[in-house]
C-alpha atoms as a PDB file:
ATOM      1  CA  MET A   1       9.600  15.165   9.992  1.00  0.00           C
ATOM      2  CA  ARG A   2      12.613  13.868  11.687  1.00  0.00           C
ATOM      3  CA  ARG A   3      10.742  11.338  13.642  1.00  0.00           C
ATOM      4  CA  LEU A   4       9.146  10.081  10.175  1.00  0.00           C
ATOM      5  CA  LEU A   5      12.471   9.832   8.647  1.00  0.00           C
ATOM      6  CA  LEU A   6      13.723   7.648  11.662  1.00  0.00           C
ATOM      7  CA  ALA A   7      11.105   5.607  11.745  1.00  0.00           C
ATOM      8  CA  LEU A   8      11.177   4.694   7.983  1.00  0.00           C
ATOM      9  CA  ILE A   9      15.051   4.428   7.857  1.00  0.00           C
ATOM     10  CA  LEU A  10      14.999   1.358  10.208  1.00  0.00           C
ATOM     11  CA  LEU A  11      13.049  -0.358  11.469  1.00  0.00           C
ATOM     12  CA  ALA A  12      11.663   8.207  15.434  1.00  0.00           C
ATOM     13  CA  GLY A  13      13.159  13.645  16.481  1.00  0.00           C
ATOM     14  CA  CYS A  14      12.017  17.260  15.591  1.00  0.00           C
ATOM     15  CA  SER A  15      10.874  18.738  12.429  1.00  0.00           C
ATOM     16  CA  SER A  16      12.923  19.505   9.257  1.00  0.00           C
ATOM     17  CA  ALA A  17      12.279  23.167   9.411  1.00  0.00           C
ATOM     18  CA  PRO A  18      14.588  25.591  11.252  1.00  0.00           C
ATOM     19  CA  LYS A  19      13.216  26.243  14.875  1.00  0.00           C
ATOM     20  CA  GLY A  20      14.131  29.492  15.791  1.00  0.00           C
ATOM     21  CA  PRO A  21      12.423  32.450  15.061  1.00  0.00           C
ATOM     22  CA  PRO A  22      12.601  34.894  12.673  1.00  0.00           C
ATOM     23  CA  ASP A  23      11.775  32.039   9.673  1.00  0.00           C
ATOM     24  CA  ASP A  24      13.397  31.839   6.433  1.00  0.00           C
ATOM     25  CA  PRO A  25      10.722  31.414   3.930  1.00  0.00           C
ATOM     26  CA  THR A  26      13.061  30.079   1.333  1.00  0.00           C
ATOM     27  CA  LEU A  27      14.920  27.501   3.849  1.00  0.00           C
ATOM     28  CA  SER A  28      11.214  26.553   4.638  1.00  0.00           C
ATOM     29  CA  ARG A  29      10.273  26.205   1.499  1.00  0.00           C
ATOM     30  CA  LEU A  30      13.070  23.889   0.669  1.00  0.00           C
ATOM     31  CA  GLY A  31      12.293  21.652   4.041  1.00  0.00           C
ATOM     32  CA  HIS A  32       8.623  21.474   3.061  1.00  0.00           C
ATOM     33  CA  ALA A  33       9.309  20.391  -0.816  1.00  0.00           C
ATOM     34  CA  GLY A  34      11.913  17.410   0.568  1.00  0.00           C
ATOM     35  CA  ASP A  35       9.486  16.509   3.407  1.00  0.00           C
ATOM     36  CA  ILE A  36       6.753  16.085   0.564  1.00  0.00           C
ATOM     37  CA  ALA A  37       9.212  13.895  -1.844  1.00  0.00           C
ATOM     38  CA  PHE A  38      10.370  11.989   1.224  1.00  0.00           C
ATOM     39  CA  ARG A  39       6.455  11.048   1.732  1.00  0.00           C
ATOM     40  CA  LEU A  40       5.582  10.444  -1.840  1.00  0.00           C
ATOM     41  CA  GLU A  41       8.413   7.797  -1.612  1.00  0.00           C
ATOM     42  CA  GLN A  42      10.556  10.058  -4.183  1.00  0.00           C
ATOM     43  CA  PRO A  43      13.740  10.193  -1.716  1.00  0.00           C
ATOM     44  CA  GLU A  44      16.445  11.227  -4.606  1.00  0.00           C
ATOM     45  CA  GLN A  45      13.994  14.064  -5.572  1.00  0.00           C
ATOM     46  CA  ALA A  46      13.640  14.380  -1.300  1.00  0.00           C
ATOM     47  CA  ALA A  47      17.551  14.500  -1.212  1.00  0.00           C
ATOM     48  CA  GLU A  48      18.029  17.482  -3.847  1.00  0.00           C
ATOM     49  CA  HIS A  49      15.676  19.681  -1.835  1.00  0.00           C
ATOM     50  CA  TYR A  50      17.413  18.861   1.542  1.00  0.00           C
ATOM     51  CA  ARG A  51      20.857  19.511  -0.121  1.00  0.00           C
ATOM     52  CA  ALA A  52      19.446  22.839  -1.083  1.00  0.00           C
ATOM     53  CA  ALA A  53      18.057  23.238   2.184  1.00  0.00           C
ATOM     54  CA  LEU A  54      21.184  22.466   3.870  1.00  0.00           C
ATOM     55  CA  THR A  55      22.868  24.991   1.483  1.00  0.00           C
ATOM     56  CA  ARG A  56      20.386  27.752   2.320  1.00  0.00           C
ATOM     57  CA  ALA A  57      21.053  26.588   6.318  1.00  0.00           C
ATOM     58  CA  ARG A  58      24.941  27.383   5.769  1.00  0.00           C
ATOM     59  CA  VAL A  59      23.784  30.806   4.211  1.00  0.00           C
ATOM     60  CA  ARG A  60      21.704  31.668   7.119  1.00  0.00           C
ATOM     61  CA  ASP A  61      24.713  30.362   9.398  1.00  0.00           C
ATOM     62  CA  ASP A  62      22.367  28.542  11.538  1.00  0.00           C
ATOM     63  CA  GLY A  63      23.367  25.470  13.428  1.00  0.00           C
ATOM     64  CA  ALA A  64      20.111  23.975  14.042  1.00  0.00           C
ATOM     65  CA  ALA A  65      18.563  24.358  10.849  1.00  0.00           C
ATOM     66  CA  ILE A  66      22.410  22.840   9.506  1.00  0.00           C
ATOM     67  CA  ALA A  67      21.773  19.765  11.529  1.00  0.00           C
ATOM     68  CA  ASP A  68      17.874  19.697  10.482  1.00  0.00           C
ATOM     69  CA  ALA A  69      18.629  19.945   6.814  1.00  0.00           C
ATOM     70  CA  GLY A  70      21.896  17.961   7.012  1.00  0.00           C
ATOM     71  CA  PHE A  71      20.117  14.837   8.671  1.00  0.00           C
ATOM     72  CA  ASN A  72      17.123  14.755   6.434  1.00  0.00           C
ATOM     73  CA  LEU A  73      19.523  14.338   3.459  1.00  0.00           C
ATOM     74  CA  ALA A  74      21.280  11.578   4.965  1.00  0.00           C
ATOM     75  CA  ALA A  75      18.313   9.982   5.558  1.00  0.00           C
ATOM     76  CA  ALA A  76      17.170  10.651   2.193  1.00  0.00           C
ATOM     77  CA  GLU A  77      19.937   9.062   0.558  1.00  0.00           C
ATOM     78  CA  LEU A  78      19.970   6.210   2.997  1.00  0.00           C
ATOM     79  CA  GLN A  79      16.342   5.502   1.378  1.00  0.00           C
ATOM     80  CA  ALA A  80      17.245   6.046  -1.607  1.00  0.00           C
ATOM     81  CA  GLY A  81      19.568   3.083  -1.150  1.00  0.00           C
ATOM     82  CA  ARG A  82      22.837   4.939  -1.293  1.00  0.00           C
ATOM     83  CA  ALA A  83      24.146   3.534   2.207  1.00  0.00           C
ATOM     84  CA  ARG A  84      27.865   5.027   1.671  1.00  0.00           C
ATOM     85  CA  ASP A  85      26.465   8.573   0.792  1.00  0.00           C
ATOM     86  CA  ALA A  86      24.312   8.626   3.606  1.00  0.00           C
ATOM     87  CA  MET A  87      27.600   7.520   5.867  1.00  0.00           C
ATOM     88  CA  ARG A  88      29.370  10.098   4.439  1.00  0.00           C
ATOM     89  CA  THR A  89      27.210  12.767   4.669  1.00  0.00           C
ATOM     90  CA  ALA A  90      26.435  11.988   8.378  1.00  0.00           C
ATOM     91  CA  GLU A  91      30.092  12.166   9.014  1.00  0.00           C
ATOM     92  CA  ASP A  92      31.031  15.280   7.308  1.00  0.00           C
ATOM     93  CA  LEU A  93      27.734  17.118   9.201  1.00  0.00           C
ATOM     94  CA  GLN A  94      28.988  15.544  12.577  1.00  0.00           C
ATOM     95  CA  ALA A  95      32.361  17.016  11.687  1.00  0.00           C
ATOM     96  CA  GLU A  96      30.982  20.467  10.597  1.00  0.00           C
ATOM     97  CA  LEU A  97      28.460  20.597  13.760  1.00  0.00           C
ATOM     98  CA  ALA A  98      31.189  20.032  16.493  1.00  0.00           C
ATOM     99  CA  ARG A  99      33.229  22.599  15.524  1.00  0.00           C
ATOM    100  CA  ARG A 100      30.031  24.753  16.738  1.00  0.00           C
ATOM    101  CA  GLY A 101      29.871  22.856  19.832  1.00  0.00           C
ATOM    102  CA  ILE A 102      26.662  20.834  18.581  1.00  0.00           C
ATOM    103  CA  THR A 103      26.526  17.320  19.113  1.00  0.00           C
ATOM    104  CA  ASP A 104      23.481  15.475  17.370  1.00  0.00           C
ATOM    105  CA  PRO A 105      23.713  11.591  17.964  1.00  0.00           C
ATOM    106  CA  ALA A 106      20.757  10.915  15.416  1.00  0.00           C
ATOM    107  CA  PHE A 107      23.766  11.018  12.994  1.00  0.00           C
ATOM    108  CA  ASP A 108      24.963   8.063  14.523  1.00  0.00           C
ATOM    109  CA  LEU A 109      22.017   6.242  14.076  1.00  0.00           C
ATOM    110  CA  ILE A 110      22.368   7.042  10.322  1.00  0.00           C
ATOM    111  CA  SER A 111      25.742   5.672  10.556  1.00  0.00           C
ATOM    112  CA  ALA A 112      24.989   2.586  11.712  1.00  0.00           C
ATOM    113  CA  THR A 113      22.056   1.840   9.648  1.00  0.00           C
ATOM    114  CA  ALA A 114      24.212   2.263   7.107  1.00  0.00           C
ATOM    115  CA  MET A 115      26.713  -0.237   8.039  1.00  0.00           C
ATOM    116  CA  PHE A 116      24.293  -2.516   8.457  1.00  0.00           C
ATOM    117  CA  ARG A 117      23.129  -2.618   5.281  1.00  0.00           C
ATOM    118  CA  LEU A 118      26.636  -2.572   3.788  1.00  0.00           C
ATOM    119  CA  GLY A 119      27.519  -5.782   5.900  1.00  0.00           C
ATOM    120  CA  ASP A 120      29.732  -4.283   8.432  1.00  0.00           C
ATOM    121  CA  PHE A 121      27.971  -5.837  11.343  1.00  0.00           C
ATOM    122  CA  ALA A 122      30.685  -5.290  13.898  1.00  0.00           C
ATOM    123  CA  ASP A 123      30.872  -1.257  13.558  1.00  0.00           C
ATOM    124  CA  ALA A 124      27.298  -0.828  13.130  1.00  0.00           C
ATOM    125  CA  ASP A 125      26.903  -2.994  16.161  1.00  0.00           C
ATOM    126  CA  ARG A 126      29.444  -0.729  17.990  1.00  0.00           C
ATOM    127  CA  MET A 127      27.746   2.374  16.826  1.00  0.00           C
ATOM    128  CA  ALA A 128      24.324   1.078  18.035  1.00  0.00           C
ATOM    129  CA  ALA A 129      25.752   0.272  21.487  1.00  0.00           C
ATOM    130  CA  GLY A 130      26.410   3.954  22.100  1.00  0.00           C
ATOM    131  CA  LEU A 131      23.040   5.133  21.379  1.00  0.00           C
ATOM    132  CA  THR A 132      21.516   2.309  23.792  1.00  0.00           C
ATOM    133  CA  GLY A 133      22.882   4.844  26.688  1.00  0.00           C
ATOM    134  CA  GLY A 134      21.752   7.915  25.807  1.00  0.00           C
ATOM    135  CA  LYS A 135      18.865   9.992  27.405  1.00  0.00           C
ATOM    136  CA  ASP A 136      17.101  10.016  23.450  1.00  0.00           C
ATOM    137  CA  LEU A 137      14.651   7.137  24.269  1.00  0.00           C
ATOM    138  CA  ALA A 138      13.654   6.892  20.743  1.00  0.00           C
ATOM    139  CA  LEU A 139      17.480   6.356  19.317  1.00  0.00           C
ATOM    140  CA  ALA A 140      17.949   4.383  22.281  1.00  0.00           C
ATOM    141  CA  ASP A 141      15.214   1.815  21.199  1.00  0.00           C
ATOM    142  CA  ALA A 142      16.341   2.222  17.687  1.00  0.00           C
ATOM    143  CA  GLY A 143      20.001   1.315  18.909  1.00  0.00           C
ATOM    144  CA  TRP A 144      18.499  -1.722  20.630  1.00  0.00           C
ATOM    145  CA  PHE A 145      16.531  -2.624  17.364  1.00  0.00           C
ATOM    146  CA  LEU A 146      19.530  -2.473  14.920  1.00  0.00           C
ATOM    147  CA  ARG A 147      21.587  -4.590  17.866  1.00  0.00           C
ATOM    148  CA  GLY A 148      18.968  -7.316  18.120  1.00  0.00           C
ATOM    149  CA  LEU A 149      18.925  -7.543  14.192  1.00  0.00           C
ATOM    150  CA  ILE A 150      22.849  -7.754  14.152  1.00  0.00           C
ATOM    151  CA  ALA A 151      22.537 -10.336  17.254  1.00  0.00           C
ATOM    152  CA  ASP A 152      19.983 -12.651  15.075  1.00  0.00           C
ATOM    153  CA  LYS A 153      22.205 -12.352  11.775  1.00  0.00           C
ATOM    154  CA  ALA A 154      25.306 -13.895  13.980  1.00  0.00           C
ATOM    155  CA  GLY A 155      23.300 -16.615  16.019  1.00  0.00           C
ATOM    156  CA  ASP A 156      23.467 -14.536  19.153  1.00  0.00           C
ATOM    157  CA  ARG A 157      20.723 -15.766  21.213  1.00  0.00           C
ATOM    158  CA  PRO A 158      22.010 -13.966  24.280  1.00  0.00           C
ATOM    159  CA  GLY A 159      22.491 -10.755  22.314  1.00  0.00           C
ATOM    160  CA  LEU A 160      19.079 -11.151  20.909  1.00  0.00           C
ATOM    161  CA  GLU A 161      17.309 -11.975  24.155  1.00  0.00           C
ATOM    162  CA  GLN A 162      19.119  -8.869  25.406  1.00  0.00           C
ATOM    163  CA  ALA A 163      17.721  -6.329  22.897  1.00  0.00           C
ATOM    164  CA  VAL A 164      14.328  -7.568  23.462  1.00  0.00           C
ATOM    165  CA  ALA A 165      14.374  -7.002  26.804  1.00  0.00           C
ATOM    166  CA  SER A 166      15.664  -3.642  26.864  1.00  0.00           C
ATOM    167  CA  MET A 167      12.859  -2.128  24.381  1.00  0.00           C
ATOM    168  CA  SER A 168      10.962   0.791  26.405  1.00  0.00           C
ATOM    169  CA  PRO A 169       7.531   0.390  26.918  1.00  0.00           C
ATOM    170  CA  ALA A 170       7.353   3.225  24.267  1.00  0.00           C
ATOM    171  CA  ALA A 171       9.464   1.363  21.704  1.00  0.00           C
ATOM    172  CA  ASN A 172       7.911   0.789  18.071  1.00  0.00           C
ATOM    173  CA  PRO A 173       5.550  -2.186  18.496  1.00  0.00           C
ATOM    174  CA  ALA A 174       6.384  -3.522  14.684  1.00  0.00           C
ATOM    175  CA  ASP A 175      10.091  -3.369  16.003  1.00  0.00           C
ATOM    176  CA  VAL A 176       9.095  -5.382  19.326  1.00  0.00           C
ATOM    177  CA  ALA A 177       7.117  -7.833  17.230  1.00  0.00           C
ATOM    178  CA  GLU A 178       9.722  -8.536  14.874  1.00  0.00           C
ATOM    179  CA  LEU A 179      12.600  -8.708  17.240  1.00  0.00           C
ATOM    180  CA  ARG A 180      10.103 -10.901  19.531  1.00  0.00           C
ATOM    181  CA  ALA A 181       9.285 -13.113  16.563  1.00  0.00           C
ATOM    182  CA  ARG A 182      13.170 -13.644  15.630  1.00  0.00           C
ATOM    183  CA  LEU A 183      13.841 -14.640  19.486  1.00  0.00           C
ATOM    184  CA  SER A 184      10.825 -17.162  19.478  1.00  0.00           C
ATOM    185  CA  HIS A 185      10.634 -18.345  15.642  1.00  0.00           C
ATOM    186  CA  ASP A 186       7.013 -17.392  15.835  1.00  0.00           C
ATOM    187  CA  GLN A 187       5.431 -16.760  12.290  1.00  0.00           C
ATOM    188  CA  ALA A 188       2.521 -15.268  13.507  1.00  0.00           C
ATOM    189  CA  LEU A 189       4.408 -12.840  15.118  1.00  0.00           C
ATOM    190  CA  ALA A 190       6.735 -11.774  11.904  1.00  0.00           C
ATOM    191  CA  LEU A 191       3.283 -11.827  10.066  1.00  0.00           C
ATOM    192  CA  HIS A 192       1.872  -9.332  12.686  1.00  0.00           C
ATOM    193  CA  ALA A 193       5.328  -7.298  12.617  1.00  0.00           C
ATOM    194  CA  ALA A 194       4.461  -6.964   8.883  1.00  0.00           C
ATOM    195  CA  ASP A 195       1.183  -5.772   9.152  1.00  0.00           C
ATOM    196  CA  LEU A 196       2.247  -3.150  11.832  1.00  0.00           C
ATOM    197  CA  ARG A 197       5.112  -1.833   9.062  1.00  0.00           C
ATOM    198  CA  ARG A 198       2.449  -1.567   6.218  1.00  0.00           C
ATOM    199  CA  ASP A 199       0.099   0.607   8.525  1.00  0.00           C
ATOM    200  CA  GLN A 200       3.014   2.544   9.351  1.00  0.00           C
ATOM    201  CA  LEU A 201       3.954   2.933   5.468  1.00  0.00           C
ATOM    202  CA  ASP A 202       7.306   1.293   6.474  1.00  0.00           C
ATOM    203  CA  TYR A 203       7.570  -0.822   3.104  1.00  0.00           C
ATOM    204  CA  ARG A 204      11.212  -1.661   3.302  1.00  0.00           C
ATOM    205  CA  SER A 205      11.167  -3.041   7.123  1.00  0.00           C
ATOM    206  CA  MET A 206       7.724  -4.985   6.430  1.00  0.00           C
ATOM    207  CA  ALA A 207       9.253  -6.955   3.090  1.00  0.00           C
ATOM    208  CA  ARG A 208      11.803  -8.051   5.652  1.00  0.00           C
ATOM    209  CA  ALA A 209       9.281  -9.100   7.756  1.00  0.00           C
ATOM    210  CA  LEU A 210       7.621 -11.181   5.422  1.00  0.00           C
ATOM    211  CA  ALA A 211      10.804 -12.793   4.454  1.00  0.00           C
ATOM    212  CA  LEU A 212      11.216 -13.502   8.084  1.00  0.00           C
ATOM    213  CA  ALA A 213       7.868 -15.139   8.289  1.00  0.00           C
ATOM    214  CA  ALA A 214       8.686 -17.052   5.192  1.00  0.00           C
ATOM    215  CA  GLN A 215      11.931 -18.624   7.224  1.00  0.00           C
ATOM    216  CA  LEU A 216       9.530 -19.613   9.619  1.00  0.00           C
ATOM    217  CA  ALA A 217       6.839 -21.052   7.577  1.00  0.00           C
ATOM    218  CA  PRO A 218       5.404 -24.606   8.151  1.00  0.00           C
ATOM    219  CA  SER A 219       5.533 -25.606   4.702  1.00  0.00           C
ATOM    220  CA  PRO A 220       7.478 -24.766   1.262  1.00  0.00           C
ATOM    221  CA  GLY A 221       4.258 -23.239  -0.453  1.00  0.00           C
ATOM    222  CA  GLU A 222       3.921 -21.021   2.239  1.00  0.00           C
ATOM    223  CA  ALA A 223       7.493 -20.010   2.352  1.00  0.00           C
ATOM    224  CA  ALA A 224       7.346 -19.490  -1.467  1.00  0.00           C
ATOM    225  CA  ASP A 225       4.650 -17.644  -1.481  1.00  0.00           C
ATOM    226  CA  LEU A 226       5.750 -15.124   1.030  1.00  0.00           C
ATOM    227  CA  TYR A 227       9.143 -14.779  -0.465  1.00  0.00           C
ATOM    228  CA  LEU A 228       7.186 -13.687  -3.661  1.00  0.00           C
ATOM    229  CA  ARG A 229       5.174 -11.195  -1.634  1.00  0.00           C
ATOM    230  CA  ALA A 230       8.701  -9.755  -0.210  1.00  0.00           C
ATOM    231  CA  ALA A 231      10.355  -9.662  -3.574  1.00  0.00           C
ATOM    232  CA  HIS A 232       7.819  -7.991  -5.116  1.00  0.00           C
ATOM    233  CA  SER A 233       7.749  -5.420  -2.794  1.00  0.00           C
ATOM    234  CA  ALA A 234      11.264  -4.912  -2.606  1.00  0.00           C
ATOM    235  CA  ALA A 235      11.314  -4.742  -6.190  1.00  0.00           C
ATOM    236  CA  GLY A 236       8.527  -2.158  -6.212  1.00  0.00           C
ATOM    237  CA  GLN A 237      10.980  -0.121  -4.339  1.00  0.00           C
ATOM    238  CA  GLY A 238      13.833   0.073  -6.426  1.00  0.00           C
ATOM    239  CA  ASP A 239      15.965  -2.956  -4.770  1.00  0.00           C
ATOM    240  CA  PRO A 240      16.152  -5.729  -7.528  1.00  0.00           C
ATOM    241  CA  ALA A 241      19.452  -7.049  -5.785  1.00  0.00           C
ATOM    242  CA  GLN A 242      16.929  -7.809  -2.134  1.00  0.00           C
ATOM    243  CA  ALA A 243      14.302  -9.033  -5.077  1.00  0.00           C
ATOM    244  CA  ARG A 244      16.692 -11.246  -6.807  1.00  0.00           C
ATOM    245  CA  ILE A 245      17.432 -13.060  -3.484  1.00  0.00           C
ATOM    246  CA  TRP A 246      13.833 -13.724  -2.115  1.00  0.00           C
ATOM    247  CA  LEU A 247      12.784 -14.639  -5.488  1.00  0.00           C
ATOM    248  CA  GLY A 248      15.478 -17.348  -5.819  1.00  0.00           C
ATOM    249  CA  GLN A 249      14.574 -18.435  -2.713  1.00  0.00           C
ATOM    250  CA  ALA A 250      10.583 -18.587  -3.555  1.00  0.00           C
ATOM    251  CA  ARG A 251      11.933 -20.381  -7.094  1.00  0.00           C
ATOM    252  CA  ASP A 252      13.637 -22.990  -5.034  1.00  0.00           C
ATOM    253  CA  LEU A 253      10.811 -23.541  -2.589  1.00  0.00           C
ATOM    254  CA  ALA A 254       8.011 -23.386  -4.949  1.00  0.00           C
ATOM    255  CA  PRO A 255       6.269 -26.890  -4.780  1.00  0.00           C
ATOM    256  CA  ASP A 256       4.241 -26.274  -7.971  1.00  0.00           C
ATOM    257  CA  ALA A 257       4.790 -24.941 -11.177  1.00  0.00           C
ATOM    258  CA  GLY A 258       3.039 -21.916 -11.114  1.00  0.00           C
ATOM    259  CA  LEU A 259       4.748 -20.639  -8.382  1.00  0.00           C
ATOM    260  CA  ARG A 260       8.011 -21.387  -9.990  1.00  0.00           C
ATOM    261  CA  THR A 261       6.925 -19.567 -13.249  1.00  0.00           C
ATOM    262  CA  GLU A 262       5.763 -16.529 -11.284  1.00  0.00           C
ATOM    263  CA  ALA A 263       9.210 -16.307  -9.747  1.00  0.00           C
ATOM    264  CA  ASP A 264      11.308 -17.137 -13.080  1.00  0.00           C
ATOM    265  CA  ASN A 265       9.198 -14.067 -14.465  1.00  0.00           C
ATOM    266  CA  GLY A 266       9.740 -12.024 -11.818  1.00  0.00           C
ATOM    267  CA  LEU A 267      13.827 -12.786 -12.179  1.00  0.00           C
ATOM    268  CA  LYS A 268      13.492 -12.026 -15.829  1.00  0.00           C
ATOM    269  CA  GLU A 269      11.631  -8.694 -14.898  1.00  0.00           C
ATOM    270  CA  LEU A 270      14.440  -7.477 -13.011  1.00  0.00           C
ATOM    271  CA  PRO A 271      17.206  -5.218 -14.211  1.00  0.00           C
ATOM    272  CA  ALA A 272      20.731  -7.010 -14.864  1.00  0.00           C
ATOM    273  CA  PRO A 273      22.854  -7.182 -12.189  1.00  0.00           C
END
């Protein structure tokens, strides 16, 4: 399950069930319930199950199970849009595991992603850089992808070029397509990345790729339509702040009254900020 959770955080581990015998049926049941809720796009409910699994793992005094349940809890919090809670969970679990002599760099990806979403790009980049030199290839690729997003936001073309060049052959093809689209300003690549994200059920990243395609669109009408599509997805995922931004961009770019009306209606349907 951790591989699924990592993929959905950003942008790739193990199972959320404890690895060693004997099996604890209660712990396995709680972890499985969390996995189901997460797959059903119910991250708050998933977090409740993972928090109960973490408590059970501590009852069991099982370091590996604590690491798995704690990681899954932080990932669910991040998916629920609670970046600060996810970062706090990751930091607390890292400290707890360190006392057991356990190091799990996957928690650094949680923290780096949370920092990125909170706008702390310098610290996010610093932490992501620590992942890129590790032995875990999936984490290294995730770190380079995050660094690429940060470089693009900063207008750092050499940094973006380095991120693209450093992705491994095993990297998520959607991540690669998105970074290459940002580097080349190729709208077709951005739309391809959105299609790949959709197939991976990674709708948060899909919406981001649609918004990127809107930025690269050749006409205001096409850009407005793509921003609308990205906003509808964000609103349906419970991210009204991002939906509001994209709806505003769609309204400002719309060349006809129909598109402007749809954007305005979408804004009215969002909860008050």
